[in-house]
Structures are given as structure tokens and as C-alpha cells.
Amino acid sequence: MENSTHFKVFRLTAYGDIGQLKYFYFAVVTVLYVVIIFANALLIGVICIERSLHEPMYLFLCALFVNQLYGSTGLFPALMFYLLSDTHDISLLYCYLQIYVLYTYGLTECCNLSVMSYDRYICICYPLQYNNIMTPKRVCGLIQLSWLYSFFINAINISLSLRLQFCGNVLDIVYCDNYSVVKLACSNTTLNNIWGLFAAVVSYSCTICPTIYSYVRILQICLKSSKETKQKAFNTCMPHIASLLNFSSGWLFVFLQGRYDTAHLPPILRSIFLVYFLICPPLFNPIMYGIRMAKIRQACKKLLRL
């Protein structure tokens, strides 16, 4: 074990010295955060108020928008603060809190998207049994399971990281990331690595496999169906597929930057890739669903006219 020091803060060096540009970046980030809050809060309110939207698909969407507000709040206030601050030190306690919020957001988002694919599978493949299968009790249970599973998995993740001692405190990122923090540890990280691998395998198996199965079955049904049924299935599934690809791209950017040397990339580009999964899904999902889904669009118009 190397000599360790009891650090009280981590230093986020990715902010660097951006001079007067910090005010421009701050304005952009503030506008994005306000738009994300407004768009997601609007659709959450519309789905809660409009009784015609109290259906499984829209309730899953509501859970998705709530999670996006939660995840955005884990990033944007800190990002706005450090853009204007002359120092970029973050306390260990707040660092671990941010890791927990961002990781629970990410895993809950994966679970929500997987549950939504299951909902589309039941709707398209078993339309006559849909209401009997997707009961209010089952819908609430699936939403609660997504959150509880994410909170539980990441609570263990954080508890394993809290015991570590560190040889350094410099993080070349704009927010706290568990992988980057563990890499700074002098103490034995074998347990962290084993748990991380186990949690990743279980989580991906429980989210990606059901999603792939659902869409394979949907595709099989569509190939045997009429043109009208194919078009209806396409219109129903397209927003979800776009959300899935958008979020998956963001996670892929984070994974690749954590495992490979990206020093040759411009710092601003590295930072954009790192925050992509925290900005683009919460920004584009409510806009896309609000435009693509007629019932939500009409309910929004009705609410905004009041």
C-alpha cells in the first residue's frame, strides 16, 4: 500500500481556467436547467392532472420525467456553482452524495426504459389481455421496484467506497464519478471491483435482456401483421427507441472516457461527453414525447390555455 493522506476534499480540475468564458457557460447551463425543469415538470403535472392519461404508458413516462428532474438536480446546481467559483474543491461528503444521486438516476433510468419496453411488448403482442396484465397495482409495483433496486444497489456501492483511503485528490472531471474516485485509492479495492462487476452484470441482465426480448417479439408480431398495425406499432415504439438510444449513447461516452485515455480531445468536448447522459435525455425526452404523443400534446395545450 502506498502512503495515504486523509483528504477532506477532491479537486475537480476539468473546469480549468476558462477566464471570462465562465459567464457564457454559466448562462448556457442555467438556460438548459430551466428548460429541463419546465419541460419535465409540465408533463408530470399534465399526466397527474389529466385523468385520460392515467394509463400504464403515461404513468411510466411520469416516472421517467420525475427521475430526470432528480438526476438533473444532482448535476446542474453544482455545475453552475463551480463554473463561477475560483476554487473547484468538493468535500468528500458532497462528492459521495453526488455519486449516489447520479448513479441512482442512471440505473433508475435504465430500469424505467426496460419497464417501458415490457409495457409496449404487452400492448402490441397481447392487446386483449393488456388491461388485465398491466393493472394499476402492477404498474405501481414496477415503478417502485425500479427505484428501490437502484437505491439499494448504489447504497452498497457507496458504503464500499466510504471505507477507502486515498493517495491523491485530483479528479479530471466536472462531477464526482465513483470509478474515478476508486482509482485514487491506496487501500485494497478488490471488493469494490468484484461488487462493481457483479452489480453491472445483474443490472444489465435485468434491463437490457428484457428490452431486447420485448423488441424481438414486437418485430415478430409486426412482420405478420397488417400495414396499419405496423404503423401503429412504429408510432408507439419510436419515441421509446429514441430515448433508449439517446441514454445509451450517453452512458457509452462515460464508460469509454473512464477506461481509455482521452487526453488528446479538447477539454470542453470531454466535458460535454461526460454530462451528455445527464443533459440530453432530460432535455429531449419531454419535448419528444410532448410532440410525438397526441394525447399528451392535446393535454398540454388544454392546460396552458387555462
C-alpha atoms as a PDB file:
ATOM      1  CA  MET A   1       0.000   0.000   0.000  1.00  0.00           C
ATOM      2  CA  GLU A   2       1.299   3.479  -0.888  1.00  0.00           C
ATOM      3  CA  ASN A   3       1.413   6.309   1.636  1.00  0.00           C
ATOM      4  CA  SER A   4      -2.096   7.644   2.103  1.00  0.00           C
ATOM      5  CA  THR A   5      -3.331  11.012   3.279  1.00  0.00           C
ATOM      6  CA  HIS A   6      -6.631  11.841   4.927  1.00  0.00           C
ATOM      7  CA  PHE A   7      -8.021  14.154   2.269  1.00  0.00           C
ATOM      8  CA  LYS A   8     -11.088  16.219   3.166  1.00  0.00           C
ATOM      9  CA  VAL A   9     -11.771  17.404  -0.396  1.00  0.00           C
ATOM     10  CA  PHE A  10     -11.407  16.329  -4.007  1.00  0.00           C
ATOM     11  CA  ARG A  11     -10.263  18.817  -6.634  1.00  0.00           C
ATOM     12  CA  LEU A  12     -12.227  18.926  -9.919  1.00  0.00           C
ATOM     13  CA  THR A  13      -9.587  20.042 -12.415  1.00  0.00           C
ATOM     14  CA  ALA A  14     -11.710  19.699 -15.567  1.00  0.00           C
ATOM     15  CA  TYR A  15     -13.085  23.209 -15.029  1.00  0.00           C
ATOM     16  CA  GLY A  16      -9.604  24.639 -15.546  1.00  0.00           C
ATOM     17  CA  ASP A  17      -9.020  28.335 -16.137  1.00  0.00           C
ATOM     18  CA  ILE A  18     -11.699  29.387 -18.629  1.00  0.00           C
ATOM     19  CA  GLY A  19     -11.491  33.111 -17.847  1.00  0.00           C
ATOM     20  CA  GLN A  20     -14.463  35.244 -18.886  1.00  0.00           C
ATOM     21  CA  LEU A  21     -15.972  32.315 -20.798  1.00  0.00           C
ATOM     22  CA  LYS A  22     -17.261  31.053 -17.462  1.00  0.00           C
ATOM     23  CA  TYR A  23     -20.116  33.581 -17.641  1.00  0.00           C
ATOM     24  CA  PHE A  24     -21.125  32.337 -21.076  1.00  0.00           C
ATOM     25  CA  TYR A  25     -21.013  28.693 -19.944  1.00  0.00           C
ATOM     26  CA  PHE A  26     -22.947  29.609 -16.803  1.00  0.00           C
ATOM     27  CA  ALA A  27     -25.692  31.277 -18.883  1.00  0.00           C
ATOM     28  CA  VAL A  28     -25.950  28.255 -21.206  1.00  0.00           C
ATOM     29  CA  VAL A  29     -26.118  25.791 -18.304  1.00  0.00           C
ATOM     30  CA  THR A  30     -28.714  27.935 -16.492  1.00  0.00           C
ATOM     31  CA  VAL A  31     -30.951  28.101 -19.577  1.00  0.00           C
ATOM     32  CA  LEU A  32     -30.662  24.325 -20.068  1.00  0.00           C
ATOM     33  CA  TYR A  33     -31.551  23.670 -16.427  1.00  0.00           C
ATOM     34  CA  VAL A  34     -34.576  25.987 -16.542  1.00  0.00           C
ATOM     35  CA  VAL A  35     -35.825  24.338 -19.761  1.00  0.00           C
ATOM     36  CA  ILE A  36     -35.339  20.854 -18.262  1.00  0.00           C
ATOM     37  CA  ILE A  37     -37.239  21.797 -15.086  1.00  0.00           C
ATOM     38  CA  PHE A  38     -40.083  23.443 -17.014  1.00  0.00           C
ATOM     39  CA  ALA A  39     -40.484  20.700 -19.648  1.00  0.00           C
ATOM     40  CA  ASN A  40     -40.358  17.769 -17.222  1.00  0.00           C
ATOM     41  CA  ALA A  41     -42.476  19.475 -14.540  1.00  0.00           C
ATOM     42  CA  LEU A  42     -45.072  20.437 -17.162  1.00  0.00           C
ATOM     43  CA  LEU A  43     -45.502  16.867 -18.384  1.00  0.00           C
ATOM     44  CA  ILE A  44     -45.526  15.475 -14.841  1.00  0.00           C
ATOM     45  CA  GLY A  45     -48.285  17.952 -13.967  1.00  0.00           C
ATOM     46  CA  VAL A  46     -50.241  17.193 -17.147  1.00  0.00           C
ATOM     47  CA  ILE A  47     -50.115  13.426 -16.572  1.00  0.00           C
ATOM     48  CA  CYS A  48     -51.142  13.820 -12.909  1.00  0.00           C
ATOM     49  CA  ILE A  49     -53.991  16.248 -13.621  1.00  0.00           C
ATOM     50  CA  GLU A  50     -55.450  14.786 -16.834  1.00  0.00           C
ATOM     51  CA  ARG A  51     -57.461  11.669 -15.958  1.00  0.00           C
ATOM     52  CA  SER A  52     -57.375  10.380 -19.548  1.00  0.00           C
ATOM     53  CA  LEU A  53     -53.596   9.980 -19.145  1.00  0.00           C
ATOM     54  CA  HIS A  54     -53.887   7.716 -16.091  1.00  0.00           C
ATOM     55  CA  GLU A  55     -52.827   4.721 -18.171  1.00  0.00           C
ATOM     56  CA  PRO A  56     -49.747   2.491 -17.742  1.00  0.00           C
ATOM     57  CA  MET A  57     -47.755   4.010 -20.608  1.00  0.00           C
ATOM     58  CA  TYR A  58     -48.207   7.569 -19.339  1.00  0.00           C
ATOM     59  CA  LEU A  59     -47.582   6.614 -15.710  1.00  0.00           C
ATOM     60  CA  PHE A  60     -44.251   5.060 -16.740  1.00  0.00           C
ATOM     61  CA  LEU A  61     -43.472   8.267 -18.618  1.00  0.00           C
ATOM     62  CA  CYS A  62     -44.289  10.272 -15.494  1.00  0.00           C
ATOM     63  CA  ALA A  63     -41.819   8.137 -13.515  1.00  0.00           C
ATOM     64  CA  LEU A  64     -39.230   8.749 -16.251  1.00  0.00           C
ATOM     65  CA  PHE A  65     -39.701  12.532 -16.042  1.00  0.00           C
ATOM     66  CA  VAL A  66     -39.511  12.526 -12.222  1.00  0.00           C
ATOM     67  CA  ASN A  67     -36.225  10.625 -12.402  1.00  0.00           C
ATOM     68  CA  GLN A  68     -34.862  13.085 -14.963  1.00  0.00           C
ATOM     69  CA  LEU A  69     -35.595  16.002 -12.639  1.00  0.00           C
ATOM     70  CA  TYR A  70     -33.876  14.087  -9.842  1.00  0.00           C
ATOM     71  CA  GLY A  71     -30.765  13.386 -11.920  1.00  0.00           C
ATOM     72  CA  SER A  72     -30.535  16.934 -13.274  1.00  0.00           C
ATOM     73  CA  THR A  73     -30.663  18.316  -9.737  1.00  0.00           C
ATOM     74  CA  GLY A  74     -27.683  16.119  -8.886  1.00  0.00           C
ATOM     75  CA  LEU A  75     -25.598  17.857 -11.556  1.00  0.00           C
ATOM     76  CA  PHE A  76     -26.753  21.354 -12.504  1.00  0.00           C
ATOM     77  CA  PRO A  77     -26.621  23.292  -9.189  1.00  0.00           C
ATOM     78  CA  ALA A  78     -23.057  22.074  -8.553  1.00  0.00           C
ATOM     79  CA  LEU A  79     -22.074  22.689 -12.175  1.00  0.00           C
ATOM     80  CA  MET A  80     -23.395  26.254 -12.032  1.00  0.00           C
ATOM     81  CA  PHE A  81     -21.627  26.893  -8.731  1.00  0.00           C
ATOM     82  CA  TYR A  82     -18.210  25.621  -9.867  1.00  0.00           C
ATOM     83  CA  LEU A  83     -18.382  27.478 -13.185  1.00  0.00           C
ATOM     84  CA  LEU A  84     -18.420  30.782 -11.291  1.00  0.00           C
ATOM     85  CA  SER A  85     -16.223  29.710  -8.387  1.00  0.00           C
ATOM     86  CA  ASP A  86     -12.489  30.405  -8.258  1.00  0.00           C
ATOM     87  CA  THR A  87     -11.883  27.145  -6.423  1.00  0.00           C
ATOM     88  CA  HIS A  88     -13.134  23.752  -7.561  1.00  0.00           C
ATOM     89  CA  ASP A  89     -12.784  21.728  -4.366  1.00  0.00           C
ATOM     90  CA  ILE A  90     -15.647  19.426  -3.403  1.00  0.00           C
ATOM     91  CA  SER A  91     -15.966  17.854   0.053  1.00  0.00           C
ATOM     92  CA  LEU A  92     -15.839  14.086   0.342  1.00  0.00           C
ATOM     93  CA  LEU A  93     -19.357  14.010   1.784  1.00  0.00           C
ATOM     94  CA  TYR A  94     -20.881  16.013  -1.059  1.00  0.00           C
ATOM     95  CA  CYS A  95     -18.822  14.041  -3.582  1.00  0.00           C
ATOM     96  CA  TYR A  96     -20.269  10.756  -2.339  1.00  0.00           C
ATOM     97  CA  LEU A  97     -23.760  12.284  -2.255  1.00  0.00           C
ATOM     98  CA  GLN A  98     -23.391  13.396  -5.862  1.00  0.00           C
ATOM     99  CA  ILE A  99     -22.146   9.950  -6.895  1.00  0.00           C
ATOM    100  CA  TYR A 100     -25.157   8.361  -5.202  1.00  0.00           C
ATOM    101  CA  VAL A 101     -27.661  10.716  -6.870  1.00  0.00           C
ATOM    102  CA  LEU A 102     -26.138  10.425 -10.347  1.00  0.00           C
ATOM    103  CA  TYR A 103     -25.720   6.650 -10.179  1.00  0.00           C
ATOM    104  CA  THR A 104     -29.241   6.072  -8.861  1.00  0.00           C
ATOM    105  CA  TYR A 105     -30.519   8.331 -11.639  1.00  0.00           C
ATOM    106  CA  GLY A 106     -28.647   6.331 -14.248  1.00  0.00           C
ATOM    107  CA  LEU A 107     -29.727   2.909 -13.014  1.00  0.00           C
ATOM    108  CA  THR A 108     -33.332   4.013 -12.437  1.00  0.00           C
ATOM    109  CA  GLU A 109     -33.416   5.404 -15.980  1.00  0.00           C
ATOM    110  CA  CYS A 110     -32.247   2.027 -17.328  1.00  0.00           C
ATOM    111  CA  CYS A 111     -34.911   0.236 -15.267  1.00  0.00           C
ATOM    112  CA  ASN A 112     -37.650   2.651 -16.354  1.00  0.00           C
ATOM    113  CA  LEU A 113     -36.774   2.248 -20.038  1.00  0.00           C
ATOM    114  CA  SER A 114     -36.737  -1.539 -19.627  1.00  0.00           C
ATOM    115  CA  VAL A 115     -40.152  -1.496 -17.945  1.00  0.00           C
ATOM    116  CA  MET A 116     -41.498   0.728 -20.744  1.00  0.00           C
ATOM    117  CA  SER A 117     -40.296  -1.779 -23.347  1.00  0.00           C
ATOM    118  CA  TYR A 118     -42.130  -4.536 -21.435  1.00  0.00           C
ATOM    119  CA  ASP A 119     -45.271  -2.367 -21.427  1.00  0.00           C
ATOM    120  CA  ARG A 120     -45.039  -1.884 -25.220  1.00  0.00           C
ATOM    121  CA  TYR A 121     -44.495  -5.624 -25.659  1.00  0.00           C
ATOM    122  CA  ILE A 122     -47.668  -6.481 -23.714  1.00  0.00           C
ATOM    123  CA  CYS A 123     -49.654  -3.748 -25.503  1.00  0.00           C
ATOM    124  CA  ILE A 124     -48.693  -4.887 -29.010  1.00  0.00           C
ATOM    125  CA  CYS A 125     -48.389  -8.650 -28.536  1.00  0.00           C
ATOM    126  CA  TYR A 126     -51.297  -9.157 -26.102  1.00  0.00           C
ATOM    127  CA  PRO A 127     -53.720  -6.266 -26.749  1.00  0.00           C
ATOM    128  CA  LEU A 128     -56.809  -8.099 -25.464  1.00  0.00           C
ATOM    129  CA  GLN A 129     -55.153  -9.074 -22.176  1.00  0.00           C
ATOM    130  CA  TYR A 130     -53.324  -5.763 -21.738  1.00  0.00           C
ATOM    131  CA  ASN A 131     -55.651  -4.248 -19.109  1.00  0.00           C
ATOM    132  CA  ASN A 132     -55.712  -7.498 -17.143  1.00  0.00           C
ATOM    133  CA  ILE A 133     -51.915  -7.775 -17.140  1.00  0.00           C
ATOM    134  CA  MET A 134     -50.962  -4.122 -16.647  1.00  0.00           C
ATOM    135  CA  THR A 135     -53.154  -3.447 -13.625  1.00  0.00           C
ATOM    136  CA  PRO A 136     -52.639  -0.278 -11.520  1.00  0.00           C
ATOM    137  CA  LYS A 137     -51.107  -2.440  -8.778  1.00  0.00           C
ATOM    138  CA  ARG A 138     -48.577  -3.992 -11.175  1.00  0.00           C
ATOM    139  CA  VAL A 139     -47.720  -0.618 -12.711  1.00  0.00           C
ATOM    140  CA  CYS A 140     -47.020   0.899  -9.270  1.00  0.00           C
ATOM    141  CA  GLY A 141     -45.037  -2.187  -8.283  1.00  0.00           C
ATOM    142  CA  LEU A 142     -42.798  -1.968 -11.365  1.00  0.00           C
ATOM    143  CA  ILE A 143     -42.146   1.745 -10.799  1.00  0.00           C
ATOM    144  CA  GLN A 144     -41.341   1.200  -7.106  1.00  0.00           C
ATOM    145  CA  LEU A 145     -39.108  -1.792  -7.916  1.00  0.00           C
ATOM    146  CA  SER A 146     -37.055   0.327 -10.339  1.00  0.00           C
ATOM    147  CA  TRP A 147     -36.360   2.959  -7.681  1.00  0.00           C
ATOM    148  CA  LEU A 148     -35.801   0.578  -4.759  1.00  0.00           C
ATOM    149  CA  TYR A 149     -33.441  -1.646  -6.727  1.00  0.00           C
ATOM    150  CA  SER A 150     -31.383   1.356  -7.834  1.00  0.00           C
ATOM    151  CA  PHE A 151     -31.233   2.850  -4.315  1.00  0.00           C
ATOM    152  CA  PHE A 152     -30.218  -0.498  -2.791  1.00  0.00           C
ATOM    153  CA  ILE A 153     -27.505  -1.354  -5.330  1.00  0.00           C
ATOM    154  CA  ASN A 154     -25.912   2.074  -5.117  1.00  0.00           C
ATOM    155  CA  ALA A 155     -26.130   2.230  -1.313  1.00  0.00           C
ATOM    156  CA  ILE A 156     -23.838  -0.806  -1.200  1.00  0.00           C
ATOM    157  CA  ASN A 157     -21.628   0.790  -3.849  1.00  0.00           C
ATOM    158  CA  ILE A 158     -21.201   3.960  -1.760  1.00  0.00           C
ATOM    159  CA  SER A 159     -20.681   2.052   1.509  1.00  0.00           C
ATOM    160  CA  LEU A 160     -17.755   0.187  -0.086  1.00  0.00           C
ATOM    161  CA  SER A 161     -16.208   3.452  -1.334  1.00  0.00           C
ATOM    162  CA  LEU A 162     -16.560   5.208   2.033  1.00  0.00           C
ATOM    163  CA  ARG A 163     -14.019   2.862   3.655  1.00  0.00           C
ATOM    164  CA  LEU A 164     -11.249   3.723   1.155  1.00  0.00           C
ATOM    165  CA  GLN A 165      -8.094   5.742   1.868  1.00  0.00           C
ATOM    166  CA  PHE A 166      -6.675   7.887  -0.910  1.00  0.00           C
ATOM    167  CA  CYS A 167      -3.225   8.692  -2.304  1.00  0.00           C
ATOM    168  CA  GLY A 168      -4.478  11.683  -4.288  1.00  0.00           C
ATOM    169  CA  ASN A 169      -7.454  14.007  -4.561  1.00  0.00           C
ATOM    170  CA  VAL A 170      -7.359  15.259  -8.160  1.00  0.00           C
ATOM    171  CA  LEU A 171     -10.320  14.317 -10.397  1.00  0.00           C
ATOM    172  CA  ASP A 172     -10.059  15.413 -14.044  1.00  0.00           C
ATOM    173  CA  ILE A 173     -13.838  15.614 -14.438  1.00  0.00           C
ATOM    174  CA  VAL A 174     -16.619  18.148 -13.790  1.00  0.00           C
ATOM    175  CA  TYR A 175     -18.539  15.975 -11.309  1.00  0.00           C
ATOM    176  CA  CYS A 176     -17.762  13.135  -8.920  1.00  0.00           C
ATOM    177  CA  ASP A 177     -17.635   9.707 -10.510  1.00  0.00           C
ATOM    178  CA  ASN A 178     -17.220   6.521  -8.481  1.00  0.00           C
ATOM    179  CA  TYR A 179     -14.804   4.888 -10.918  1.00  0.00           C
ATOM    180  CA  SER A 180     -12.509   7.942 -10.852  1.00  0.00           C
ATOM    181  CA  VAL A 181     -12.662   8.134  -7.049  1.00  0.00           C
ATOM    182  CA  VAL A 182     -11.820   4.437  -6.583  1.00  0.00           C
ATOM    183  CA  LYS A 183      -8.809   4.815  -8.915  1.00  0.00           C
ATOM    184  CA  LEU A 184      -7.319   7.296  -6.413  1.00  0.00           C
ATOM    185  CA  ALA A 185      -7.466   4.780  -3.560  1.00  0.00           C
ATOM    186  CA  CYS A 186      -4.346   3.413  -1.872  1.00  0.00           C
ATOM    187  CA  SER A 187      -6.283   0.787   0.080  1.00  0.00           C
ATOM    188  CA  ASN A 188      -7.395  -2.536  -1.367  1.00  0.00           C
ATOM    189  CA  THR A 189     -10.192  -2.092  -3.923  1.00  0.00           C
ATOM    190  CA  THR A 190     -10.727  -5.775  -4.738  1.00  0.00           C
ATOM    191  CA  LEU A 191     -14.122  -5.830  -3.001  1.00  0.00           C
ATOM    192  CA  ASN A 192     -15.193  -2.670  -4.866  1.00  0.00           C
ATOM    193  CA  ASN A 193     -14.169  -4.213  -8.188  1.00  0.00           C
ATOM    194  CA  ILE A 194     -15.955  -7.505  -7.501  1.00  0.00           C
ATOM    195  CA  TRP A 195     -19.127  -5.766  -6.378  1.00  0.00           C
ATOM    196  CA  GLY A 196     -18.994  -3.333  -9.303  1.00  0.00           C
ATOM    197  CA  LEU A 197     -18.685  -6.188 -11.786  1.00  0.00           C
ATOM    198  CA  PHE A 198     -21.457  -8.196 -10.099  1.00  0.00           C
ATOM    199  CA  ALA A 199     -23.821  -5.199  -9.931  1.00  0.00           C
ATOM    200  CA  ALA A 200     -23.128  -4.310 -13.569  1.00  0.00           C
ATOM    201  CA  VAL A 201     -23.792  -7.864 -14.809  1.00  0.00           C
ATOM    202  CA  VAL A 202     -27.014  -8.193 -12.798  1.00  0.00           C
ATOM    203  CA  SER A 203     -28.255  -4.716 -13.732  1.00  0.00           C
ATOM    204  CA  TYR A 204     -27.531  -5.079 -17.440  1.00  0.00           C
ATOM    205  CA  SER A 205     -29.047  -8.563 -17.487  1.00  0.00           C
ATOM    206  CA  CYS A 206     -32.227  -7.303 -15.802  1.00  0.00           C
ATOM    207  CA  THR A 207     -32.602  -4.295 -18.113  1.00  0.00           C
ATOM    208  CA  ILE A 208     -31.005  -4.966 -21.498  1.00  0.00           C
ATOM    209  CA  CYS A 209     -32.148  -8.588 -21.888  1.00  0.00           C
ATOM    210  CA  PRO A 210     -35.882  -7.859 -21.291  1.00  0.00           C
ATOM    211  CA  THR A 211     -35.651  -4.865 -23.640  1.00  0.00           C
ATOM    212  CA  ILE A 212     -34.082  -6.910 -26.436  1.00  0.00           C
ATOM    213  CA  TYR A 213     -36.582  -9.744 -25.909  1.00  0.00           C
ATOM    214  CA  SER A 214     -39.520  -7.314 -25.961  1.00  0.00           C
ATOM    215  CA  TYR A 215     -38.495  -5.731 -29.255  1.00  0.00           C
ATOM    216  CA  VAL A 216     -37.675  -9.077 -30.891  1.00  0.00           C
ATOM    217  CA  ARG A 217     -41.205 -10.259 -30.045  1.00  0.00           C
ATOM    218  CA  ILE A 218     -42.712  -6.958 -31.230  1.00  0.00           C
ATOM    219  CA  LEU A 219     -40.815  -7.280 -34.520  1.00  0.00           C
ATOM    220  CA  GLN A 220     -42.058 -10.851 -34.963  1.00  0.00           C
ATOM    221  CA  ILE A 221     -45.662  -9.731 -34.440  1.00  0.00           C
ATOM    222  CA  CYS A 222     -45.277  -6.763 -36.787  1.00  0.00           C
ATOM    223  CA  LEU A 223     -43.903  -8.937 -39.607  1.00  0.00           C
ATOM    224  CA  LYS A 224     -47.111 -10.986 -39.501  1.00  0.00           C
ATOM    225  CA  SER A 225     -49.472  -8.019 -39.134  1.00  0.00           C
ATOM    226  CA  SER A 226     -51.205  -5.583 -41.461  1.00  0.00           C
ATOM    227  CA  LYS A 227     -49.655  -2.314 -42.641  1.00  0.00           C
ATOM    228  CA  GLU A 228     -51.913  -0.362 -40.275  1.00  0.00           C
ATOM    229  CA  THR A 229     -50.770  -2.407 -37.264  1.00  0.00           C
ATOM    230  CA  LYS A 230     -47.125  -1.953 -38.260  1.00  0.00           C
ATOM    231  CA  GLN A 231     -47.602   1.813 -38.492  1.00  0.00           C
ATOM    232  CA  LYS A 232     -49.328   1.944 -35.105  1.00  0.00           C
ATOM    233  CA  ALA A 233     -46.538  -0.125 -33.509  1.00  0.00           C
ATOM    234  CA  PHE A 234     -43.914   2.104 -35.117  1.00  0.00           C
ATOM    235  CA  ASN A 235     -45.562   5.295 -33.817  1.00  0.00           C
ATOM    236  CA  THR A 236     -45.868   3.785 -30.332  1.00  0.00           C
ATOM    237  CA  CYS A 237     -42.333   2.407 -30.081  1.00  0.00           C
ATOM    238  CA  MET A 238     -40.322   5.064 -31.928  1.00  0.00           C
ATOM    239  CA  PRO A 239     -40.133   7.612 -29.048  1.00  0.00           C
ATOM    240  CA  HIS A 240     -39.054   4.857 -26.654  1.00  0.00           C
ATOM    241  CA  ILE A 241     -36.366   3.559 -29.014  1.00  0.00           C
ATOM    242  CA  ALA A 242     -35.073   7.120 -29.481  1.00  0.00           C
ATOM    243  CA  SER A 243     -34.953   7.597 -25.681  1.00  0.00           C
ATOM    244  CA  LEU A 244     -33.140   4.297 -25.279  1.00  0.00           C
ATOM    245  CA  LEU A 245     -30.508   5.122 -27.909  1.00  0.00           C
ATOM    246  CA  ASN A 246     -30.054   8.646 -26.559  1.00  0.00           C
ATOM    247  CA  PHE A 247     -29.451   7.474 -22.989  1.00  0.00           C
ATOM    248  CA  SER A 248     -27.298   4.501 -24.039  1.00  0.00           C
ATOM    249  CA  SER A 249     -25.064   6.805 -26.095  1.00  0.00           C
ATOM    250  CA  GLY A 250     -24.517   8.999 -23.034  1.00  0.00           C
ATOM    251  CA  TRP A 251     -23.546   6.030 -20.847  1.00  0.00           C
ATOM    252  CA  LEU A 252     -21.221   4.775 -23.586  1.00  0.00           C
ATOM    253  CA  PHE A 253     -19.414   8.146 -23.649  1.00  0.00           C
ATOM    254  CA  VAL A 254     -18.895   7.979 -19.870  1.00  0.00           C
ATOM    255  CA  PHE A 255     -17.698   4.372 -19.991  1.00  0.00           C
ATOM    256  CA  LEU A 256     -15.200   4.996 -22.799  1.00  0.00           C
ATOM    257  CA  GLN A 257     -13.761   8.109 -21.150  1.00  0.00           C
ATOM    258  CA  GLY A 258     -13.293   6.264 -17.866  1.00  0.00           C
ATOM    259  CA  ARG A 259     -11.484   3.306 -19.449  1.00  0.00           C
ATOM    260  CA  TYR A 260      -9.454   4.940 -22.225  1.00  0.00           C
ATOM    261  CA  ASP A 261      -7.100   7.898 -22.463  1.00  0.00           C
ATOM    262  CA  THR A 262      -8.970  10.865 -23.958  1.00  0.00           C
ATOM    263  CA  ALA A 263      -6.320  13.495 -23.221  1.00  0.00           C
ATOM    264  CA  HIS A 264      -5.999  14.205 -26.962  1.00  0.00           C
ATOM    265  CA  LEU A 265      -9.587  15.514 -27.038  1.00  0.00           C
ATOM    266  CA  PRO A 266     -10.313  19.204 -26.300  1.00  0.00           C
ATOM    267  CA  PRO A 267     -11.291  19.660 -22.607  1.00  0.00           C
ATOM    268  CA  ILE A 268     -14.675  21.185 -23.488  1.00  0.00           C
ATOM    269  CA  LEU A 269     -15.505  18.194 -25.715  1.00  0.00           C
ATOM    270  CA  ARG A 270     -14.539  15.732 -22.957  1.00  0.00           C
ATOM    271  CA  SER A 271     -16.785  17.590 -20.516  1.00  0.00           C
ATOM    272  CA  ILE A 272     -19.719  17.595 -22.966  1.00  0.00           C
ATOM    273  CA  PHE A 273     -19.391  13.835 -23.447  1.00  0.00           C
ATOM    274  CA  LEU A 274     -19.303  13.337 -19.664  1.00  0.00           C
ATOM    275  CA  VAL A 275     -22.503  15.300 -18.997  1.00  0.00           C
ATOM    276  CA  TYR A 276     -24.362  14.125 -22.126  1.00  0.00           C
ATOM    277  CA  PHE A 277     -26.382  11.447 -20.315  1.00  0.00           C
ATOM    278  CA  LEU A 278     -27.359  13.994 -17.636  1.00  0.00           C
ATOM    279  CA  ILE A 279     -28.415  16.756 -20.028  1.00  0.00           C
ATOM    280  CA  CYS A 280     -29.712  15.339 -23.314  1.00  0.00           C
ATOM    281  CA  PRO A 281     -32.255  12.725 -22.081  1.00  0.00           C
ATOM    282  CA  PRO A 282     -33.895  15.135 -19.560  1.00  0.00           C
ATOM    283  CA  LEU A 283     -33.912  17.839 -22.240  1.00  0.00           C
ATOM    284  CA  PHE A 284     -35.117  15.920 -25.295  1.00  0.00           C
ATOM    285  CA  ASN A 285     -37.399  13.233 -23.795  1.00  0.00           C
ATOM    286  CA  PRO A 286     -40.200  15.560 -22.587  1.00  0.00           C
ATOM    287  CA  ILE A 287     -40.005  17.579 -25.807  1.00  0.00           C
ATOM    288  CA  MET A 288     -40.091  14.450 -27.970  1.00  0.00           C
ATOM    289  CA  TYR A 289     -42.923  12.768 -26.071  1.00  0.00           C
ATOM    290  CA  GLY A 290     -44.832  16.040 -25.869  1.00  0.00           C
ATOM    291  CA  ILE A 291     -44.669  16.457 -29.651  1.00  0.00           C
ATOM    292  CA  ARG A 292     -44.990  12.826 -30.778  1.00  0.00           C
ATOM    293  CA  MET A 293     -47.814  11.674 -28.493  1.00  0.00           C
ATOM    294  CA  ALA A 294     -51.133  13.258 -29.457  1.00  0.00           C
ATOM    295  CA  LYS A 295     -52.882  12.791 -26.088  1.00  0.00           C
ATOM    296  CA  ILE A 296     -50.024  14.469 -24.199  1.00  0.00           C
ATOM    297  CA  ARG A 297     -49.839  17.264 -26.778  1.00  0.00           C
ATOM    298  CA  GLN A 298     -53.568  17.959 -26.504  1.00  0.00           C
ATOM    299  CA  ALA A 299     -53.479  17.838 -22.687  1.00  0.00           C
ATOM    300  CA  CYS A 300     -50.572  20.318 -22.658  1.00  0.00           C
ATOM    301  CA  LYS A 301     -52.464  22.720 -24.909  1.00  0.00           C
ATOM    302  CA  LYS A 302     -55.537  22.406 -22.697  1.00  0.00           C
ATOM    303  CA  LEU A 303     -53.527  23.085 -19.513  1.00  0.00           C
ATOM    304  CA  LEU A 304     -51.564  26.005 -20.940  1.00  0.00           C
ATOM    305  CA  ARG A 305     -54.768  27.682 -22.132  1.00  0.00           C
ATOM    306  CA  LEU A 306     -56.139  27.775 -18.570  1.00  0.00           C
END
